[in-house]
PDB file of N, CA and C in Angstrom:
ATOM      1  N   MET A   1     -61.753  92.455  26.985  1.00  0.00           N
ATOM      2  CA  MET A   1     -60.502  91.960  26.887  1.00  0.00           C
ATOM      3  C   MET A   1     -60.326  90.806  25.791  1.00  0.00           C
ATOM      4  N   LYS A   2     -60.645  90.753  25.153  1.00  0.00           N
ATOM      5  CA  LYS A   2     -60.875  90.343  23.539  1.00  0.00           C
ATOM      6  C   LYS A   2     -59.549  91.086  22.788  1.00  0.00           C
ATOM      7  N   ARG A   3     -59.767  92.261  23.101  1.00  0.00           N
ATOM      8  CA  ARG A   3     -58.690  92.717  22.405  1.00  0.00           C
ATOM      9  C   ARG A   3     -56.950  92.944  23.099  1.00  0.00           C
ATOM     10  N   GLY A   4     -57.110  92.693  24.373  1.00  0.00           N
ATOM     11  CA  GLY A   4     -55.832  92.431  25.226  1.00  0.00           C
ATOM     12  C   GLY A   4     -55.736  91.462  24.912  1.00  0.00           C
ATOM     13  N   GLU A   5     -55.661  90.444  24.704  1.00  0.00           N
ATOM     14  CA  GLU A   5     -55.769  88.688  25.010  1.00  0.00           C
ATOM     15  C   GLU A   5     -55.133  88.722  23.111  1.00  0.00           C
ATOM     16  N   SER A   6     -55.668  89.418  21.956  1.00  0.00           N
ATOM     17  CA  SER A   6     -54.737  89.510  20.697  1.00  0.00           C
ATOM     18  C   SER A   6     -54.240  90.277  20.958  1.00  0.00           C
ATOM     19  N   VAL A   7     -54.050  91.117  21.073  1.00  0.00           N
ATOM     20  CA  VAL A   7     -52.103  92.141  21.536  1.00  0.00           C
ATOM     21  C   VAL A   7     -51.690  91.153  21.861  1.00  0.00           C
ATOM     22  N   LEU A   8     -51.640  90.889  22.681  1.00  0.00           N
ATOM     23  CA  LEU A   8     -51.086  89.761  23.487  1.00  0.00           C
ATOM     24  C   LEU A   8     -50.670  88.321  22.997  1.00  0.00           C
ATOM     25  N   ILE A   9     -51.136  87.790  21.751  1.00  0.00           N
ATOM     26  CA  ILE A   9     -51.041  86.721  21.228  1.00  0.00           C
ATOM     27  C   ILE A   9     -50.422  87.334  20.216  1.00  0.00           C
ATOM     28  N   TRP A  10     -50.171  88.928  19.769  1.00  0.00           N
ATOM     29  CA  TRP A  10     -49.510  89.091  18.256  1.00  0.00           C
ATOM     30  C   TRP A  10     -48.708  89.309  19.051  1.00  0.00           C
ATOM     31  N   ILE A  11     -47.838  89.754  19.859  1.00  0.00           N
ATOM     32  CA  ILE A  11     -46.560  90.445  20.631  1.00  0.00           C
ATOM     33  C   ILE A  11     -46.449  89.026  21.277  1.00  0.00           C
ATOM     34  N   LEU A  12     -46.497  87.332  21.556  1.00  0.00           N
ATOM     35  CA  LEU A  12     -46.260  87.120  21.878  1.00  0.00           C
ATOM     36  C   LEU A  12     -45.621  86.061  20.096  1.00  0.00           C
ATOM     37  N   ALA A  13     -46.325  86.030  19.168  1.00  0.00           N
ATOM     38  CA  ALA A  13     -46.376  85.909  17.742  1.00  0.00           C
ATOM     39  C   ALA A  13     -44.518  86.586  17.116  1.00  0.00           C
ATOM     40  N   ALA A  14     -44.843  87.446  17.219  1.00  0.00           N
ATOM     41  CA  ALA A  14     -43.681  88.808  17.204  1.00  0.00           C
ATOM     42  C   ALA A  14     -41.981  88.537  17.838  1.00  0.00           C
ATOM     43  N   LEU A  15     -42.458  87.362  18.841  1.00  0.00           N
ATOM     44  CA  LEU A  15     -40.925  87.444  20.008  1.00  0.00           C
ATOM     45  C   LEU A  15     -40.723  86.107  19.065  1.00  0.00           C
ATOM     46  N   MET A  16     -42.096  85.248  19.286  1.00  0.00           N
ATOM     47  CA  MET A  16     -41.445  83.598  18.530  1.00  0.00           C
ATOM     48  C   MET A  16     -40.537  83.948  17.306  1.00  0.00           C
ATOM     49  N   VAL A  17     -41.043  84.817  15.809  1.00  0.00           N
ATOM     50  CA  VAL A  17     -40.215  85.038  14.389  1.00  0.00           C
ATOM     51  C   VAL A  17     -39.121  85.682  14.954  1.00  0.00           C
ATOM     52  N   TYR A  18     -39.179  86.195  15.878  1.00  0.00           N
ATOM     53  CA  TYR A  18     -37.972  87.281  16.029  1.00  0.00           C
ATOM     54  C   TYR A  18     -37.148  86.509  16.750  1.00  0.00           C
ATOM     55  N   ASN A  19     -37.423  85.819  17.483  1.00  0.00           N
ATOM     56  CA  ASN A  19     -36.898  84.430  18.014  1.00  0.00           C
ATOM     57  C   ASN A  19     -36.241  83.251  17.144  1.00  0.00           C
ATOM     58  N   VAL A  20     -37.174  82.797  16.644  1.00  0.00           N
ATOM     59  CA  VAL A  20     -36.184  81.519  15.728  1.00  0.00           C
ATOM     60  C   VAL A  20     -36.371  82.173  14.012  1.00  0.00           C
ATOM     61  N   PHE A  21     -35.828  83.315  13.863  1.00  0.00           N
ATOM     62  CA  PHE A  21     -36.018  83.458  12.531  1.00  0.00           C
ATOM     63  C   PHE A  21     -34.371  84.415  12.751  1.00  0.00           C
ATOM     64  N   LEU A  22     -34.435  85.070  13.603  1.00  0.00           N
ATOM     65  CA  LEU A  22     -33.249  86.381  13.860  1.00  0.00           C
ATOM     66  C   LEU A  22     -32.392  86.451  14.657  1.00  0.00           C
ATOM     67  N   ASN A  23     -32.960  85.743  15.733  1.00  0.00           N
ATOM     68  CA  ASN A  23     -32.205  85.811  17.361  1.00  0.00           C
ATOM     69  C   ASN A  23     -31.492  83.417  17.464  1.00  0.00           C
ATOM     70  N   ASN A  24     -32.366  82.968  16.377  1.00  0.00           N
ATOM     71  CA  ASN A  24     -31.818  81.938  16.725  1.00  0.00           C
ATOM     72  C   ASN A  24     -30.508  81.167  15.856  1.00  0.00           C
ATOM     73  N   GLN A  25     -29.880  81.628  15.902  1.00  0.00           N
ATOM     74  CA  GLN A  25     -28.219  81.298  15.045  1.00  0.00           C
ATOM     75  C   GLN A  25     -27.444  80.178  16.086  1.00  0.00           C
ATOM     76  N   ILE A  26     -27.001  79.485  15.677  1.00  0.00           N
ATOM     77  CA  ILE A  26     -26.105  78.555  16.176  1.00  0.00           C
ATOM     78  C   ILE A  26     -24.424  79.144  16.325  1.00  0.00           C
ATOM     79  N   LYS A  27     -24.641  78.722  17.987  1.00  0.00           N
ATOM     80  CA  LYS A  27     -23.560  79.222  18.391  1.00  0.00           C
ATOM     81  C   LYS A  27     -22.301  77.632  18.263  1.00  0.00           C
ATOM     82  N   THR A  28     -22.262  77.980  17.406  1.00  0.00           N
ATOM     83  CA  THR A  28     -20.544  76.771  17.426  1.00  0.00           C
ATOM     84  C   THR A  28     -19.546  77.278  16.707  1.00  0.00           C
ATOM     85  N   ASP A  29     -18.533  76.661  17.119  1.00  0.00           N
ATOM     86  CA  ASP A  29     -17.059  77.565  16.638  1.00  0.00           C
ATOM     87  C   ASP A  29     -16.398  76.824  15.489  1.00  0.00           C
ATOM     88  N   ILE A  30     -17.147  77.408  14.329  1.00  0.00           N
ATOM     89  CA  ILE A  30     -17.000  76.089  13.251  1.00  0.00           C
ATOM     90  C   ILE A  30     -15.141  76.536  13.076  1.00  0.00           C
ATOM     91  N   LYS A  31     -14.573  77.453  12.691  1.00  0.00           N
ATOM     92  CA  LYS A  31     -12.944  76.606  12.830  1.00  0.00           C
ATOM     93  C   LYS A  31     -12.373  76.005  13.503  1.00  0.00           C
ATOM     94  N   LYS A  32     -12.970  76.496  14.584  1.00  0.00           N
ATOM     95  CA  LYS A  32     -12.494  75.003  15.211  1.00  0.00           C
ATOM     96  C   LYS A  32     -12.595  73.969  14.893  1.00  0.00           C
ATOM     97  N   TYR A  33     -13.657  73.748  14.771  1.00  0.00           N
ATOM     98  CA  TYR A  33     -14.114  72.039  13.893  1.00  0.00           C
ATOM     99  C   TYR A  33     -13.688  71.502  12.363  1.00  0.00           C
ATOM    100  N   GLU A  34     -13.647  72.722  11.990  1.00  0.00           N
ATOM    101  CA  GLU A  34     -12.676  72.842  10.270  1.00  0.00           C
ATOM    102  C   GLU A  34     -11.188  72.461  10.720  1.00  0.00           C
ATOM    103  N   GLY A  35     -10.627  73.342  11.725  1.00  0.00           N
ATOM    104  CA  GLY A  35      -9.057  72.883  12.186  1.00  0.00           C
ATOM    105  C   GLY A  35      -9.159  71.351  12.779  1.00  0.00           C
ATOM    106  N   LYS A  36     -10.068  70.888  13.002  1.00  0.00           N
ATOM    107  CA  LYS A  36     -10.033  69.602  13.874  1.00  0.00           C
ATOM    108  C   LYS A  36     -10.343  68.232  12.655  1.00  0.00           C
ATOM    109  N   ILE A  37     -11.289  68.932  11.836  1.00  0.00           N
ATOM    110  CA  ILE A  37     -11.620  68.023  10.361  1.00  0.00           C
ATOM    111  C   ILE A  37     -10.000  68.220   9.410  1.00  0.00           C
ATOM    112  N   ASP A  38      -9.499  69.207   9.321  1.00  0.00           N
ATOM    113  CA  ASP A  38      -8.017  69.083   8.773  1.00  0.00           C
ATOM    114  C   ASP A  38      -6.952  68.409   9.256  1.00  0.00           C
ATOM    115  N   SER A  39      -7.067  68.565  10.992  1.00  0.00           N
ATOM    116  CA  SER A  39      -5.994  67.799  11.168  1.00  0.00           C
ATOM    117  C   SER A  39      -6.102  65.836  11.597  1.00  0.00           C
ATOM    118  N   LEU A  40      -7.433  65.860  11.228  1.00  0.00           N
ATOM    119  CA  LEU A  40      -8.127  64.024  11.547  1.00  0.00           C
ATOM    120  C   LEU A  40      -7.334  64.149   9.561  1.00  0.00           C
ATOM    121  N   GLN A  41      -7.959  64.663   8.711  1.00  0.00           N
ATOM    122  CA  GLN A  41      -7.701  64.852   7.124  1.00  0.00           C
ATOM    123  C   GLN A  41      -5.677  64.132   7.286  1.00  0.00           C
ATOM    124  N   THR A  42      -5.523  65.849   7.481  1.00  0.00           N
ATOM    125  CA  THR A  42      -3.654  65.081   7.569  1.00  0.00           C
ATOM    126  C   THR A  42      -3.814  63.444   7.933  1.00  0.00           C
ATOM    127  N   LYS A  43      -4.129  63.180   9.065  1.00  0.00           N
ATOM    128  CA  LYS A  43      -3.705  61.803   9.873  1.00  0.00           C
ATOM    129  C   LYS A  43      -4.199  61.079   9.127  1.00  0.00           C
ATOM    130  N   VAL A  44      -5.355  60.629   8.003  1.00  0.00           N
ATOM    131  CA  VAL A  44      -6.073  59.988   6.862  1.00  0.00           C
ATOM    132  C   VAL A  44      -4.983  59.873   6.049  1.00  0.00           C
ATOM    133  N   ASP A  45      -4.476  60.698   5.325  1.00  0.00           N
ATOM    134  CA  ASP A  45      -3.611  60.610   4.829  1.00  0.00           C
ATOM    135  C   ASP A  45      -1.976  60.500   4.966  1.00  0.00           C
ATOM    136  N   SER A  46      -1.705  60.638   5.990  1.00  0.00           N
ATOM    137  CA  SER A  46      -0.688  60.195   6.607  1.00  0.00           C
ATOM    138  C   SER A  46      -0.637  58.586   6.755  1.00  0.00           C
ATOM    139  N   VAL A  47      -1.840  57.914   7.386  1.00  0.00           N
ATOM    140  CA  VAL A  47      -2.119  56.498   7.477  1.00  0.00           C
ATOM    141  C   VAL A  47      -1.545  56.280   6.592  1.00  0.00           C
ATOM    142  N   SER A  48      -2.714  56.853   4.756  1.00  0.00           N
ATOM    143  CA  SER A  48      -2.880  55.867   3.543  1.00  0.00           C
ATOM    144  C   SER A  48      -1.807  55.768   3.321  1.00  0.00           C
ATOM    145  N   ILE A  49      -0.601  56.240   3.512  1.00  0.00           N
ATOM    146  CA  ILE A  49       0.780  56.178   2.319  1.00  0.00           C
ATOM    147  C   ILE A  49       1.435  55.627   3.503  1.00  0.00           C
ATOM    148  N   LEU A  50       1.495  55.432   5.009  1.00  0.00           N
ATOM    149  CA  LEU A  50       1.498  53.784   5.164  1.00  0.00           C
ATOM    150  C   LEU A  50       1.404  53.086   5.106  1.00  0.00           C
ATOM    151  N   ASN A  51       0.383  52.945   4.455  1.00  0.00           N
ATOM    152  CA  ASN A  51      -0.518  51.478   4.049  1.00  0.00           C
ATOM    153  C   ASN A  51      -0.005  51.154   2.961  1.00  0.00           C
ATOM    154  N   LYS A  52      -0.085  52.544   1.721  1.00  0.00           N
ATOM    155  CA  LYS A  52       0.154  52.205   0.730  1.00  0.00           C
ATOM    156  C   LYS A  52       2.106  51.379   0.728  1.00  0.00           C
ATOM    157  N   GLU A  53       2.642  52.093   1.621  1.00  0.00           N
ATOM    158  CA  GLU A  53       3.994  51.362   1.688  1.00  0.00           C
ATOM    159  C   GLU A  53       4.083  50.149   1.921  1.00  0.00           C
ATOM    160  N   LEU A  54       3.180  49.472   3.698  1.00  0.00           N
ATOM    161  CA  LEU A  54       2.815  48.266   3.859  1.00  0.00           C
ATOM    162  C   LEU A  54       2.774  47.325   2.607  1.00  0.00           C
ATOM    163  N   ASP A  55       1.717  48.010   2.027  1.00  0.00           N
ATOM    164  CA  ASP A  55       0.887  47.202   0.636  1.00  0.00           C
ATOM    165  C   ASP A  55       2.386  46.895  -0.051  1.00  0.00           C
ATOM    166  N   ASN A  56       3.383  47.971  -0.606  1.00  0.00           N
ATOM    167  CA  ASN A  56       4.144  47.484  -1.127  1.00  0.00           C
ATOM    168  C   ASN A  56       5.121  46.627  -0.612  1.00  0.00           C
ATOM    169  N   LYS A  57       5.563  46.689   0.740  1.00  0.00           N
ATOM    170  CA  LYS A  57       6.802  45.876   1.238  1.00  0.00           C
ATOM    171  C   LYS A  57       5.574  44.179   1.331  1.00  0.00           C
ATOM    172  N   ILE A  58       4.609  44.370   1.323  1.00  0.00           N
ATOM    173  CA  ILE A  58       4.266  42.797   1.683  1.00  0.00           C
ATOM    174  C   ILE A  58       4.051  42.341  -0.232  1.00  0.00           C
ATOM    175  N   ASN A  59       3.878  42.634  -1.000  1.00  0.00           N
ATOM    176  CA  ASN A  59       3.828  42.476  -2.454  1.00  0.00           C
ATOM    177  C   ASN A  59       5.597  42.098  -2.685  1.00  0.00           C
ATOM    178  N   SER A  60       6.587  42.952  -2.033  1.00  0.00           N
ATOM    179  CA  SER A  60       7.796  42.252  -2.157  1.00  0.00           C
ATOM    180  C   SER A  60       8.055  41.121  -1.662  1.00  0.00           C
ATOM    181  N   LEU A  61       7.892  40.966  -0.530  1.00  0.00           N
ATOM    182  CA  LEU A  61       7.804  40.094   0.433  1.00  0.00           C
ATOM    183  C   LEU A  61       7.183  38.428  -0.049  1.00  0.00           C
ATOM    184  N   HIS A  62       6.050  39.135  -0.622  1.00  0.00           N
ATOM    185  CA  HIS A  62       5.520  37.760  -1.221  1.00  0.00           C
ATOM    186  C   HIS A  62       6.694  37.417  -2.125  1.00  0.00           C
ATOM    187  N   THR A  63       6.922  38.457  -3.502  1.00  0.00           N
ATOM    188  CA  THR A  63       7.739  37.838  -4.326  1.00  0.00           C
ATOM    189  C   THR A  63       8.964  37.076  -3.909  1.00  0.00           C
ATOM    190  N   GLN A  64       9.338  37.546  -2.906  1.00  0.00           N
ATOM    191  CA  GLN A  64      10.673  37.305  -2.393  1.00  0.00           C
ATOM    192  C   GLN A  64      10.114  35.102  -2.136  1.00  0.00           C
ATOM    193  N   MET A  65       9.095  35.285  -1.614  1.00  0.00           N
ATOM    194  CA  MET A  65       8.644  34.072  -0.923  1.00  0.00           C
ATOM    195  C   MET A  65       8.425  32.886  -1.709  1.00  0.00           C
ATOM    196  N   GLU A  66       7.873  33.596  -2.820  1.00  0.00           N
ATOM    197  CA  GLU A  66       7.817  32.900  -4.095  1.00  0.00           C
ATOM    198  C   GLU A  66       9.317  32.269  -4.863  1.00  0.00           C
ATOM    199  N   ILE A  67      10.356  33.008  -4.642  1.00  0.00           N
ATOM    200  CA  ILE A  67      11.178  32.778  -4.942  1.00  0.00           C
ATOM    201  C   ILE A  67      12.076  31.448  -4.002  1.00  0.00           C
ATOM    202  N   ILE A  68      11.686  31.307  -2.918  1.00  0.00           N
ATOM    203  CA  ILE A  68      11.982  30.948  -1.677  1.00  0.00           C
ATOM    204  C   ILE A  68      11.590  29.765  -1.836  1.00  0.00           C
ATOM    205  N   ASP A  69      10.425  30.032  -2.144  1.00  0.00           N
ATOM    206  CA  ASP A  69       9.532  28.684  -2.401  1.00  0.00           C
ATOM    207  C   ASP A  69      10.197  27.911  -3.840  1.00  0.00           C
ATOM    208  N   SER A  70       9.883  28.548  -4.593  1.00  0.00           N
ATOM    209  CA  SER A  70      10.862  27.679  -5.993  1.00  0.00           C
ATOM    210  C   SER A  70      12.317  27.053  -5.849  1.00  0.00           C
ATOM    211  N   ASP A  71      12.702  27.784  -4.981  1.00  0.00           N
ATOM    212  CA  ASP A  71      14.362  27.073  -4.485  1.00  0.00           C
ATOM    213  C   ASP A  71      14.190  25.805  -4.059  1.00  0.00           C
ATOM    214  N   ILE A  72      13.665  26.292  -2.766  1.00  0.00           N
ATOM    215  CA  ILE A  72      13.196  24.864  -2.079  1.00  0.00           C
ATOM    216  C   ILE A  72      13.013  23.731  -2.898  1.00  0.00           C
ATOM    217  N   SER A  73      11.967  24.007  -3.748  1.00  0.00           N
ATOM    218  CA  SER A  73      11.309  22.555  -4.706  1.00  0.00           C
ATOM    219  C   SER A  73      12.865  22.520  -5.895  1.00  0.00           C
ATOM    220  N   ASN A  74      13.980  22.816  -6.097  1.00  0.00           N
ATOM    221  CA  ASN A  74      13.929  22.869  -6.547  1.00  0.00           C
ATOM    222  C   ASN A  74      15.621  21.632  -5.420  1.00  0.00           C
ATOM    223  N   VAL A  75      15.735  22.757  -4.072  1.00  0.00           N
ATOM    224  CA  VAL A  75      17.085  21.392  -3.826  1.00  0.00           C
ATOM    225  C   VAL A  75      15.977  20.473  -3.302  1.00  0.00           C
ATOM    226  N   LYS A  76      15.221  20.044  -3.257  1.00  0.00           N
ATOM    227  CA  LYS A  76      14.049  19.189  -2.660  1.00  0.00           C
ATOM    228  C   LYS A  76      14.333  17.699  -4.286  1.00  0.00           C
ATOM    229  N   THR A  77      14.194  18.197  -5.456  1.00  0.00           N
ATOM    230  CA  THR A  77      14.272  18.122  -6.087  1.00  0.00           C
ATOM    231  C   THR A  77      15.641  17.482  -6.337  1.00  0.00           C
ATOM    232  N   ASN A  78      16.726  17.967  -6.501  1.00  0.00           N
ATOM    233  CA  ASN A  78      17.835  17.689  -5.990  1.00  0.00           C
ATOM    234  C   ASN A  78      19.009  16.957  -4.748  1.00  0.00           C
ATOM    235  N   ILE A  79      17.760  16.627  -4.358  1.00  0.00           N
ATOM    236  CA  ILE A  79      17.995  15.933  -3.167  1.00  0.00           C
ATOM    237  C   ILE A  79      17.284  14.588  -3.561  1.00  0.00           C
ATOM    238  N   SER A  80      16.003  14.146  -4.314  1.00  0.00           N
ATOM    239  CA  SER A  80      15.930  12.954  -4.468  1.00  0.00           C
ATOM    240  C   SER A  80      16.822  12.639  -5.520  1.00  0.00           C
ATOM    241  N   VAL A  81      17.189  13.710  -6.611  1.00  0.00           N
ATOM    242  CA  VAL A  81      18.355  12.676  -7.610  1.00  0.00           C
ATOM    243  C   VAL A  81      19.309  12.170  -6.700  1.00  0.00           C
ATOM    244  N   ILE A  82      19.792  13.287  -5.685  1.00  0.00           N
ATOM    245  CA  ILE A  82      21.217  12.350  -5.475  1.00  0.00           C
ATOM    246  C   ILE A  82      20.953  11.053  -3.946  1.00  0.00           C
ATOM    247  N   LYS A  83      19.518  11.337  -4.004  1.00  0.00           N
ATOM    248  CA  LYS A  83      19.165   9.740  -3.100  1.00  0.00           C
ATOM    249  C   LYS A  83      19.062   8.636  -4.195  1.00  0.00           C
ATOM    250  N   ARG A  84      18.416   8.420  -5.219  1.00  0.00           N
ATOM    251  CA  ARG A  84      18.524   7.891  -6.153  1.00  0.00           C
ATOM    252  C   ARG A  84      19.673   7.730  -6.746  1.00  0.00           C
ATOM    253  N   LYS A  85      20.399   8.671  -7.049  1.00  0.00           N
ATOM    254  CA  LYS A  85      21.851   7.998  -7.663  1.00  0.00           C
ATOM    255  C   LYS A  85      22.523   7.319  -6.649  1.00  0.00           C
ATOM    256  N   THR A  86      22.321   7.818  -5.380  1.00  0.00           N
ATOM    257  CA  THR A  86      23.403   6.924  -4.242  1.00  0.00           C
ATOM    258  C   THR A  86      23.055   5.693  -4.007  1.00  0.00           C
ATOM    259  N   ASN A  87      21.585   5.650  -4.242  1.00  0.00           N
ATOM    260  CA  ASN A  87      20.963   4.453  -3.836  1.00  0.00           C
ATOM    261  C   ASN A  87      21.332   3.335  -4.985  1.00  0.00           C
ATOM    262  N   GLU A  88      21.158   3.750  -5.839  1.00  0.00           N
ATOM    263  CA  GLU A  88      21.836   2.969  -7.723  1.00  0.00           C
ATOM    264  C   GLU A  88      23.508   3.059  -7.021  1.00  0.00           C
ATOM    265  N   LYS A  89      24.184   3.848  -6.839  1.00  0.00           N
ATOM    266  CA  LYS A  89      25.666   3.312  -6.972  1.00  0.00           C
ATOM    267  C   LYS A  89      25.833   2.026  -5.267  1.00  0.00           C
ATOM    268  N   ILE A  90      25.411   2.640  -4.086  1.00  0.00           N
ATOM    269  CA  ILE A  90      25.202   1.307  -3.058  1.00  0.00           C
ATOM    270  C   ILE A  90      24.233  -0.140  -3.627  1.00  0.00           C
ATOM    271  N   ASN A  91      23.685   0.020  -4.851  1.00  0.00           N
ATOM    272  CA  ASN A  91      23.530  -1.550  -4.901  1.00  0.00           C
ATOM    273  C   ASN A  91      24.004  -1.869  -6.005  1.00  0.00           C
ATOM    274  N   SER A  92      24.477  -0.986  -6.569  1.00  0.00           N
ATOM    275  CA  SER A  92      26.163  -1.633  -7.476  1.00  0.00           C
ATOM    276  C   SER A  92      26.718  -2.009  -7.369  1.00  0.00           C
ATOM    277  N   VAL A  93      27.461  -1.572  -5.714  1.00  0.00           N
ATOM    278  CA  VAL A  93      28.389  -2.006  -5.595  1.00  0.00           C
ATOM    279  C   VAL A  93      28.603  -3.232  -4.522  1.00  0.00           C
ATOM    280  N   ASP A  94      27.286  -3.168  -4.395  1.00  0.00           N
ATOM    281  CA  ASP A  94      27.320  -4.805  -4.006  1.00  0.00           C
ATOM    282  C   ASP A  94      26.704  -6.240  -4.897  1.00  0.00           C
ATOM    283  N   GLN A  95      27.167  -5.668  -6.073  1.00  0.00           N
ATOM    284  CA  GLN A  95      27.906  -6.492  -7.647  1.00  0.00           C
ATOM    285  C   GLN A  95      28.923  -6.827  -7.828  1.00  0.00           C
ATOM    286  N   PHE A  96      29.700  -6.353  -7.239  1.00  0.00           N
ATOM    287  CA  PHE A  96      31.671  -6.072  -7.410  1.00  0.00           C
ATOM    288  C   PHE A  96      31.785  -6.936  -6.263  1.00  0.00           C
ATOM    289  N   THR A  97      32.899  -7.727  -6.948  1.00  0.00           N
ATOM    290  CA  THR A  97      33.600  -8.818  -6.169  1.00  0.00           C
ATOM    291  C   THR A  97      34.730  -8.144  -5.157  1.00  0.00           C
ATOM    292  N   PHE A  98      35.465  -8.926  -4.915  1.00  0.00           N
ATOM    293  CA  PHE A  98      36.008  -8.139  -4.117  1.00  0.00           C
ATOM    294  C   PHE A  98      37.929  -8.133  -4.747  1.00  0.00           C
ATOM    295  N   LEU A  99      38.125  -8.635  -6.281  1.00  0.00           N
ATOM    296  CA  LEU A  99      38.985  -7.570  -6.952  1.00  0.00           C
ATOM    297  C   LEU A  99      38.578  -6.731  -7.174  1.00  0.00           C
ATOM    298  N   GLU A 100      37.200  -6.307  -7.752  1.00  0.00           N
ATOM    299  CA  GLU A 100      37.037  -4.729  -8.472  1.00  0.00           C
ATOM    300  C   GLU A 100      36.562  -4.012  -7.820  1.00  0.00           C
ATOM    301  N   LEU A 101      36.249  -4.192  -6.893  1.00  0.00           N
ATOM    302  CA  LEU A 101      36.622  -3.627  -5.105  1.00  0.00           C
ATOM    303  C   LEU A 101      37.795  -2.898  -5.226  1.00  0.00           C
ATOM    304  N   GLU A 102      38.724  -3.885  -4.833  1.00  0.00           N
ATOM    305  CA  GLU A 102      40.568  -3.035  -4.609  1.00  0.00           C
ATOM    306  C   GLU A 102      40.294  -2.417  -5.703  1.00  0.00           C
ATOM    307  N   GLN A 103      40.195  -2.983  -6.514  1.00  0.00           N
ATOM    308  CA  GLN A 103      41.168  -2.122  -7.844  1.00  0.00           C
ATOM    309  C   GLN A 103      40.184  -0.876  -7.738  1.00  0.00           C
ATOM    310  N   PHE A 104      39.007  -0.577  -7.806  1.00  0.00           N
ATOM    311  CA  PHE A 104      38.068   0.377  -7.437  1.00  0.00           C
ATOM    312  C   PHE A 104      39.092   1.701  -6.223  1.00  0.00           C
ATOM    313  N   PHE A 105      39.068   0.824  -5.214  1.00  0.00           N
ATOM    314  CA  PHE A 105      39.262   1.636  -4.788  1.00  0.00           C
ATOM    315  C   PHE A 105      41.225   2.319  -4.807  1.00  0.00           C
ATOM    316  N   SER A 106      41.714   1.104  -5.387  1.00  0.00           N
ATOM    317  CA  SER A 106      42.683   1.566  -5.681  1.00  0.00           C
ATOM    318  C   SER A 106      43.397   2.711  -6.611  1.00  0.00           C
ATOM    319  N   ALA A 107      42.430   2.470  -7.530  1.00  0.00           N
ATOM    320  CA  ALA A 107      42.407   3.591  -8.523  1.00  0.00           C
ATOM    321  C   ALA A 107      41.867   4.857  -8.316  1.00  0.00           C
ATOM    322  N   ARG A 108      41.014   5.589  -7.531  1.00  0.00           N
ATOM    323  CA  ARG A 108      40.113   6.037  -6.746  1.00  0.00           C
ATOM    324  C   ARG A 108      41.642   6.895  -5.556  1.00  0.00           C
ATOM    325  N   TYR A 109      42.215   5.727  -4.449  1.00  0.00           N
ATOM    326  CA  TYR A 109      42.824   6.829  -3.499  1.00  0.00           C
ATOM    327  C   TYR A 109      44.349   6.647  -3.596  1.00  0.00           C
ATOM    328  N   SER A 110      45.119   6.379  -5.212  1.00  0.00           N
ATOM    329  CA  SER A 110      46.086   5.799  -5.359  1.00  0.00           C
ATOM    330  C   SER A 110      47.417   7.628  -5.113  1.00  0.00           C
ATOM    331  N   ASP A 111      46.654   8.255  -4.981  1.00  0.00           N
ATOM    332  CA  ASP A 111      47.657   8.898  -4.154  1.00  0.00           C
ATOM    333  C   ASP A 111      48.034   8.836  -3.030  1.00  0.00           C
ATOM    334  N   GLN A 112      46.889   9.052  -1.936  1.00  0.00           N
ATOM    335  CA  GLN A 112      46.979   8.748  -1.153  1.00  0.00           C
ATOM    336  C   GLN A 112      47.598   7.736  -0.890  1.00  0.00           C
ATOM    337  N   ILE A 113      47.639   6.940  -1.171  1.00  0.00           N
ATOM    338  CA  ILE A 113      48.707   5.454  -1.097  1.00  0.00           C
ATOM    339  C   ILE A 113      49.959   6.008  -1.360  1.00  0.00           C
ATOM    340  N   ARG A 114      49.787   6.626  -2.278  1.00  0.00           N
ATOM    341  CA  ARG A 114      52.094   6.679  -2.362  1.00  0.00           C
ATOM    342  C   ARG A 114      52.385   7.508  -1.746  1.00  0.00           C
ATOM    343  N   ARG A 115      51.774   8.183  -1.329  1.00  0.00           N
ATOM    344  CA  ARG A 115      52.229   9.368  -0.358  1.00  0.00           C
ATOM    345  C   ARG A 115      52.001   9.246   1.211  1.00  0.00           C
ATOM    346  N   LEU A 116      50.883   8.163   1.754  1.00  0.00           N
ATOM    347  CA  LEU A 116      51.403   7.167   2.326  1.00  0.00           C
ATOM    348  C   LEU A 116      52.880   6.705   2.683  1.00  0.00           C
ATOM    349  N   ASP A 117      53.048   5.948   1.580  1.00  0.00           N
ATOM    350  CA  ASP A 117      53.925   5.054   1.091  1.00  0.00           C
ATOM    351  C   ASP A 117      55.154   5.805   1.672  1.00  0.00           C
ATOM    352  N   SER A 118      55.255   6.321   0.674  1.00  0.00           N
ATOM    353  CA  SER A 118      56.822   7.600   0.832  1.00  0.00           C
ATOM    354  C   SER A 118      56.516   8.280   2.496  1.00  0.00           C
ATOM    355  N   THR A 119      56.027   8.456   2.832  1.00  0.00           N
ATOM    356  CA  THR A 119      55.685   8.915   4.430  1.00  0.00           C
ATOM    357  C   THR A 119      55.783   7.757   5.377  1.00  0.00           C
ATOM    358  N   ALA A 120      55.209   6.161   5.198  1.00  0.00           N
ATOM    359  CA  ALA A 120      55.861   5.236   5.846  1.00  0.00           C
ATOM    360  C   ALA A 120      57.232   5.732   5.667  1.00  0.00           C
ATOM    361  N   GLN A 121      57.925   4.960   4.572  1.00  0.00           N
ATOM    362  CA  GLN A 121      59.757   4.941   4.371  1.00  0.00           C
ATOM    363  C   GLN A 121      60.691   5.931   4.336  1.00  0.00           C
ATOM    364  N   GLY A 122      60.205   6.781   4.954  1.00  0.00           N
ATOM    365  CA  GLY A 122      60.436   8.209   5.118  1.00  0.00           C
ATOM    366  C   GLY A 122      60.997   7.757   6.634  1.00  0.00           C
ATOM    367  N   THR A 123      60.244   7.409   7.169  1.00  0.00           N
ATOM    368  CA  THR A 123      59.872   7.129   8.648  1.00  0.00           C
ATOM    369  C   THR A 123      60.984   6.201   8.923  1.00  0.00           C
ATOM    370  N   ASN A 124      61.142   5.294   8.366  1.00  0.00           N
ATOM    371  CA  ASN A 124      61.569   4.057   8.764  1.00  0.00           C
ATOM    372  C   ASN A 124      63.075   4.076   8.090  1.00  0.00           C
ATOM    373  N   ARG A 125      63.895   4.928   7.577  1.00  0.00           N
ATOM    374  CA  ARG A 125      65.287   5.402   7.764  1.00  0.00           C
ATOM    375  C   ARG A 125      65.873   5.144   8.710  1.00  0.00           C
TER     376      ARG A 125
END
């Protein structure tokens, strides 16, 4: 039986070698996976392009936002200047006498006063 056992062991070893080295091929569809990889790479590339476009838009909007912030700052400065000048004029009006106020408004609105006078004279006739 020793000889039968050793023959059996050699046959089993030969079958294992055959099975491991010669018959044990990976049964996968590599082309199928390559196609999937290519389609995924195409999608990644298109998303990358869209991402770059969005980054450019973000940069453009950021630049516009800085310009608008600058404009807002200028408007706030102008409002402050206008408020200060208005307050100065309001405070200076308190120092005018009645006669000075009358002269100021007469000079300022002389055209309107003349028109009103001519209109009033035209309706009285």
